Amino acid sequence: MTVLAVVLGVLAVYCFGLFLSYRRRFYLATARDQGYAIPTVRLADFHERFRAGPNGTGLAAAVMFIGGAASVPAGTTDHEAWVLSVLARDAHTLFEFGTATGKTAWLLACNSPPGARVFTLTLPPGGQELYRHEKGDGKVARDVAIEESRIGDFLYTGTDAGAKITQLYGDSKDFDHGPFRGLCDLVFVDGAHAHSYVMSDSAKAFEMVSPTGIILWHDYKRRSGVPREVVRALETIARTRPLVRLAGTHMVAWRNGRAAPA
């Protein structure tokens, strides 16, 4: 093989990698991949804090932030964490299904108004027997939920922001959401990704959200290693609720009292 052939081969591989990277970003922005059923909206069309001025996105979307999402398995991307943090700025009661490392709870606490409260729910350490697998639920989703329940030292532990956070333990299917009914300005559904859990957590979220509140769901994507039950559950819910996918993210959203943007 000549040197020229080797160079051309390396160049071809490099160009193909660039093409795949561009295609992935394009699909993420437009949701045209895989035939996703939930329509995509721009952030600025979903919430006024993301609207740009003459100098781009303004101070209404400025937040306290931690980067480096790649180091957190199954966590939100940096862009998604920014979106969550921006929406937290108007929320006084916030609820998270699925604590994981506690990073999102920390972000919500840091960026919510003074006096706000963040409630976050996860299985207790050693409480794997509480997980309730149902017919149609995948094994991967169960394994991930049980693995995350082993985390006991959360990122927010010992921080000033931690004073705003109430850690709740238990299986979300058994969680009594009655005291939160109609009170939560922001609900983030990112707990167990099994179909039955997404449906159960979502049903509770719709009852917990305030009259002007927002619900967000994570992991609306079809990718190797990600339970596809989230997609199935959300597209089922979208038949009766005007859910939207936020452009540039794998998050689905619903804003109470608002129709889906055209």
Protein backbone atom coordinates (compact mmCIF):
# COMPACT_ATOMS: atom_id res chain seq x y z
CA MET A 1 0.00 0.00 0.00
CA THR A 2 1.40 3.37 -0.99
CA VAL A 3 1.75 6.34 1.33
CA LEU A 4 -0.84 8.17 -0.75
CA ALA A 5 -3.36 5.37 -0.26
CA VAL A 6 -2.81 5.44 3.51
CA VAL A 7 -3.26 9.21 3.62
CA LEU A 8 -6.42 9.02 1.53
CA GLY A 9 -7.77 6.26 3.77
CA VAL A 10 -7.14 8.26 6.94
CA LEU A 11 -8.70 11.34 5.34
CA ALA A 12 -11.77 9.35 4.33
CA VAL A 13 -12.24 8.03 7.87
CA TYR A 14 -11.83 11.54 9.29
CA CYS A 15 -14.36 13.02 6.88
CA PHE A 16 -16.84 10.24 7.61
CA GLY A 17 -16.49 10.94 11.34
CA LEU A 18 -17.17 14.63 10.73
CA PHE A 19 -20.25 13.70 8.70
CA LEU A 20 -21.61 11.48 11.49
CA SER A 21 -20.96 14.19 14.07
CA TYR A 22 -22.73 16.82 11.96
CA ARG A 23 -25.64 14.48 11.30
CA ARG A 24 -26.02 13.73 15.01
CA ARG A 25 -26.10 17.45 15.88
CA PHE A 26 -28.56 18.13 13.06
CA TYR A 27 -30.86 15.33 14.19
CA LEU A 28 -30.65 16.50 17.80
CA ALA A 29 -31.66 20.00 16.78
CA THR A 30 -34.50 18.99 14.49
CA ALA A 31 -35.66 15.62 15.89
CA ARG A 32 -35.93 14.30 12.36
CA ASP A 33 -34.11 11.10 13.25
CA GLN A 34 -35.94 7.88 13.98
CA GLY A 35 -39.34 9.45 13.28
CA TYR A 36 -39.95 10.92 16.73
CA ALA A 37 -43.64 11.57 17.22
CA ILE A 38 -43.41 14.48 19.67
CA PRO A 39 -42.92 17.83 17.87
CA THR A 40 -39.81 19.90 18.47
CA VAL A 41 -39.88 23.56 19.54
CA ARG A 42 -37.14 26.11 19.97
CA LEU A 43 -36.31 27.05 23.54
CA ALA A 44 -37.31 30.66 22.84
CA ASP A 45 -40.76 29.49 21.74
CA PHE A 46 -41.21 27.42 24.87
CA HIS A 47 -40.17 29.97 27.49
CA GLU A 48 -39.51 33.68 27.38
CA ARG A 49 -36.24 33.43 29.36
CA PHE A 50 -34.56 31.91 26.31
CA ARG A 51 -35.50 34.68 23.91
CA ALA A 52 -32.51 36.36 22.34
CA GLY A 53 -31.88 40.07 22.06
CA PRO A 54 -29.55 41.96 19.74
CA ASN A 55 -26.56 40.46 21.58
CA GLY A 56 -27.87 36.92 21.69
CA THR A 57 -29.32 35.06 24.66
CA GLY A 58 -29.58 37.54 27.51
CA LEU A 59 -29.06 37.71 31.25
CA ALA A 60 -32.53 36.25 31.83
CA ALA A 61 -30.89 32.91 31.03
CA ALA A 62 -27.80 33.39 33.18
CA VAL A 63 -27.31 30.65 35.78
CA MET A 64 -24.91 29.14 38.28
CA PHE A 65 -23.57 26.03 36.62
CA ILE A 66 -21.25 22.98 36.70
CA GLY A 67 -19.90 21.68 33.39
CA GLY A 68 -18.34 18.35 32.57
CA ALA A 69 -21.46 16.29 31.94
CA ALA A 70 -19.45 13.56 30.22
CA SER A 71 -18.14 12.44 33.61
CA VAL A 72 -21.64 11.62 34.88
CA PRO A 73 -23.06 8.35 33.47
CA ALA A 74 -26.61 8.75 32.11
CA GLY A 75 -26.72 12.35 33.33
CA THR A 76 -27.97 15.42 31.52
CA THR A 77 -25.74 17.08 28.97
CA ASP A 78 -24.30 20.50 29.82
CA HIS A 79 -26.89 22.09 27.53
CA GLU A 80 -29.75 20.22 29.20
CA ALA A 81 -28.44 21.13 32.66
CA TRP A 82 -28.40 24.78 31.58
CA VAL A 83 -32.02 24.54 30.40
CA LEU A 84 -33.09 23.04 33.74
CA SER A 85 -31.20 25.72 35.63
CA VAL A 86 -32.80 28.54 33.65
CA LEU A 87 -36.30 27.19 34.23
CA ALA A 88 -35.54 26.87 37.95
CA ARG A 89 -35.16 30.65 38.21
CA ASP A 90 -38.95 31.11 38.33
CA ALA A 91 -39.77 28.07 40.47
CA HIS A 92 -40.46 28.20 44.20
CA THR A 93 -41.37 24.54 44.71
CA LEU A 94 -39.38 22.04 42.65
CA PHE A 95 -39.63 18.25 42.57
CA GLU A 96 -37.28 15.71 41.03
CA PHE A 97 -38.06 12.04 40.40
CA GLY A 98 -34.63 10.37 40.51
CA THR A 99 -31.80 11.93 42.53
CA ALA A 100 -28.86 9.97 41.04
CA THR A 101 -25.68 11.93 41.92
CA GLY A 102 -27.55 14.93 43.29
CA LYS A 103 -26.11 17.27 40.66
CA THR A 104 -29.47 18.30 39.25
CA ALA A 105 -30.87 18.91 42.74
CA TRP A 106 -27.88 21.16 43.42
CA LEU A 107 -28.44 23.09 40.18
CA LEU A 108 -32.13 23.54 40.93
CA ALA A 109 -31.37 24.75 44.45
CA CYS A 110 -28.66 27.18 43.36
CA ASN A 111 -30.72 28.78 40.61
CA SER A 112 -34.18 28.89 42.21
CA PRO A 113 -35.28 32.03 44.10
CA PRO A 114 -34.41 32.58 47.78
CA GLY A 115 -36.77 30.59 49.97
CA ALA A 116 -37.48 27.99 47.26
CA ARG A 117 -37.60 24.32 48.21
CA VAL A 118 -36.27 21.40 46.16
CA PHE A 119 -37.60 17.91 46.84
CA THR A 120 -35.83 14.95 45.28
CA LEU A 121 -36.84 11.29 45.46
CA THR A 122 -34.78 8.12 45.07
CA LEU A 123 -34.66 4.54 46.30
CA PRO A 124 -32.89 4.27 49.67
CA PRO A 125 -29.41 2.73 49.74
CA GLY A 126 -29.91 -0.99 50.06
CA GLY A 127 -33.57 -0.68 49.15
CA GLN A 128 -33.42 -2.59 45.90
CA GLU A 129 -36.24 -4.88 47.03
CA LEU A 130 -38.62 -1.90 46.87
CA TYR A 131 -38.31 -1.72 43.08
CA ARG A 132 -41.50 -3.03 41.47
CA HIS A 133 -40.83 -4.59 38.10
CA GLU A 134 -43.93 -5.04 35.94
CA LYS A 135 -44.71 -6.88 32.75
CA GLY A 136 -43.36 -4.94 29.79
CA ASP A 137 -40.54 -3.32 31.79
CA GLY A 138 -36.99 -3.88 30.58
CA LYS A 139 -34.12 -5.32 32.58
CA VAL A 140 -31.74 -2.48 31.67
CA ALA A 141 -34.01 0.13 33.25
CA ARG A 142 -34.26 -1.94 36.42
CA ASP A 143 -30.51 -2.44 36.67
CA VAL A 144 -29.79 1.28 36.21
CA ALA A 145 -32.35 2.30 38.84
CA ILE A 146 -30.93 -0.17 41.37
CA GLU A 147 -27.36 0.91 40.65
CA GLU A 148 -28.22 4.59 41.20
CA SER A 149 -29.88 3.72 44.51
CA ARG A 150 -26.45 2.81 45.87
CA ILE A 151 -25.39 6.48 45.80
CA GLY A 152 -25.56 7.92 49.31
CA ASP A 153 -23.14 10.84 49.28
CA PHE A 154 -24.79 13.34 46.95
CA LEU A 155 -23.04 16.23 45.24
CA TYR A 156 -25.09 18.75 47.23
CA THR A 157 -24.20 17.14 50.59
CA GLY A 158 -22.60 19.70 52.89
CA THR A 159 -23.13 22.64 50.52
CA ASP A 160 -25.00 25.87 51.19
CA ALA A 161 -27.47 24.91 48.44
CA GLY A 162 -28.17 21.69 50.30
CA ALA A 163 -30.11 23.66 52.90
CA LYS A 164 -32.84 24.17 50.26
CA ILE A 165 -33.01 20.46 49.39
CA THR A 166 -35.20 17.83 51.04
CA GLN A 167 -34.05 14.30 50.25
CA LEU A 168 -36.88 11.79 50.05
CA TYR A 169 -36.42 8.02 49.95
CA GLY A 170 -38.73 5.34 48.65
CA ASP A 171 -40.15 3.76 45.54
CA SER A 172 -41.87 6.38 43.42
CA LYS A 173 -44.86 4.10 42.78
CA ASP A 174 -45.54 4.11 46.54
CA PHE A 175 -44.78 7.81 46.98
CA ASP A 176 -47.68 9.81 48.45
CA HIS A 177 -47.75 12.88 46.24
CA GLY A 178 -50.90 14.26 47.86
CA PRO A 179 -49.10 17.00 49.86
CA PHE A 180 -47.59 18.31 46.59
CA ARG A 181 -50.80 18.36 44.59
CA GLY A 182 -50.96 21.54 42.50
CA LEU A 183 -47.93 23.10 44.22
CA CYS A 184 -44.85 22.34 42.08
CA ASP A 185 -43.63 25.01 39.69
CA LEU A 186 -41.11 22.63 38.14
CA VAL A 187 -41.20 18.82 38.09
CA PHE A 188 -38.33 16.86 36.57
CA VAL A 189 -39.14 13.23 35.74
CA ASP A 190 -35.85 11.35 35.50
CA GLY A 191 -36.28 8.35 37.79
CA ALA A 192 -36.53 4.71 36.77
CA HIS A 193 -36.80 4.49 32.99
CA ALA A 194 -38.99 1.38 32.88
CA HIS A 195 -42.28 1.96 31.08
CA SER A 196 -44.45 1.42 34.16
CA TYR A 197 -42.37 3.89 36.19
CA VAL A 198 -42.41 6.61 33.54
CA MET A 199 -46.18 6.30 33.30
CA SER A 200 -46.64 6.27 37.09
CA ASP A 201 -44.25 9.18 37.74
CA SER A 202 -45.82 11.18 34.91
CA ALA A 203 -49.36 10.67 36.21
CA LYS A 204 -48.24 12.00 39.60
CA ALA A 205 -46.35 14.88 38.01
CA PHE A 206 -49.47 16.08 36.20
CA GLU A 207 -51.28 16.23 39.54
CA MET A 208 -48.36 17.86 41.35
CA VAL A 209 -47.65 20.66 38.88
CA SER A 210 -48.92 24.15 39.73
CA PRO A 211 -51.41 26.00 37.47
CA THR A 212 -48.51 27.72 35.66
CA GLY A 213 -45.87 25.04 36.28
CA ILE A 214 -43.65 23.01 33.96
CA ILE A 215 -42.93 19.28 33.72
CA LEU A 216 -39.73 18.05 32.08
CA TRP A 217 -38.76 14.49 31.16
CA HIS A 218 -35.24 13.29 30.31
CA ASP A 219 -33.89 10.65 27.90
CA TYR A 220 -36.37 10.93 25.07
CA LYS A 221 -34.01 9.23 22.64
CA ARG A 222 -33.37 6.02 20.81
CA ARG A 223 -29.80 5.02 21.41
CA SER A 224 -27.93 1.86 22.32
CA GLY A 225 -27.87 1.39 26.09
CA VAL A 226 -30.83 3.69 26.75
CA PRO A 227 -34.15 2.04 27.65
CA ARG A 228 -36.60 2.81 24.85
CA GLU A 229 -39.51 2.57 27.25
CA VAL A 230 -39.19 6.32 27.89
CA VAL A 231 -39.92 7.01 24.23
CA ARG A 232 -42.85 4.61 24.24
CA ALA A 233 -44.33 6.06 27.43
CA LEU A 234 -43.97 9.70 26.40
CA GLU A 235 -45.41 9.13 22.95
CA THR A 236 -48.38 7.44 24.62
CA ILE A 237 -48.88 10.44 26.91
CA ALA A 238 -48.51 12.80 23.94
CA ARG A 239 -51.70 11.40 22.43
CA THR A 240 -53.70 13.26 25.07
CA ARG A 241 -51.30 16.01 26.22
CA PRO A 242 -49.55 18.67 24.11
CA LEU A 243 -46.00 17.55 24.89
CA VAL A 244 -43.08 19.12 23.04
CA ARG A 245 -39.44 18.20 22.63
CA LEU A 246 -36.99 21.02 23.41
CA ALA A 247 -34.63 21.58 20.50
CA GLY A 248 -31.03 20.66 21.11
CA THR A 249 -31.92 18.33 23.98
CA HIS A 250 -33.29 14.89 24.73
CA MET A 251 -35.91 16.47 26.99
CA VAL A 252 -39.67 16.60 26.58
CA ALA A 253 -41.67 19.37 28.24
CA TRP A 254 -45.20 20.38 29.12
CA ARG A 255 -46.22 23.83 30.38
CA ASN A 256 -49.47 23.98 32.27
CA GLY A 257 -52.02 26.39 30.89
CA ARG A 258 -50.22 26.70 27.56
CA ALA A 259 -50.97 25.05 24.25
CA ALA A 260 -48.07 23.54 22.38
CA PRO A 261 -46.32 26.28 20.35
CA ALA A 262 -47.15 26.15 16.67
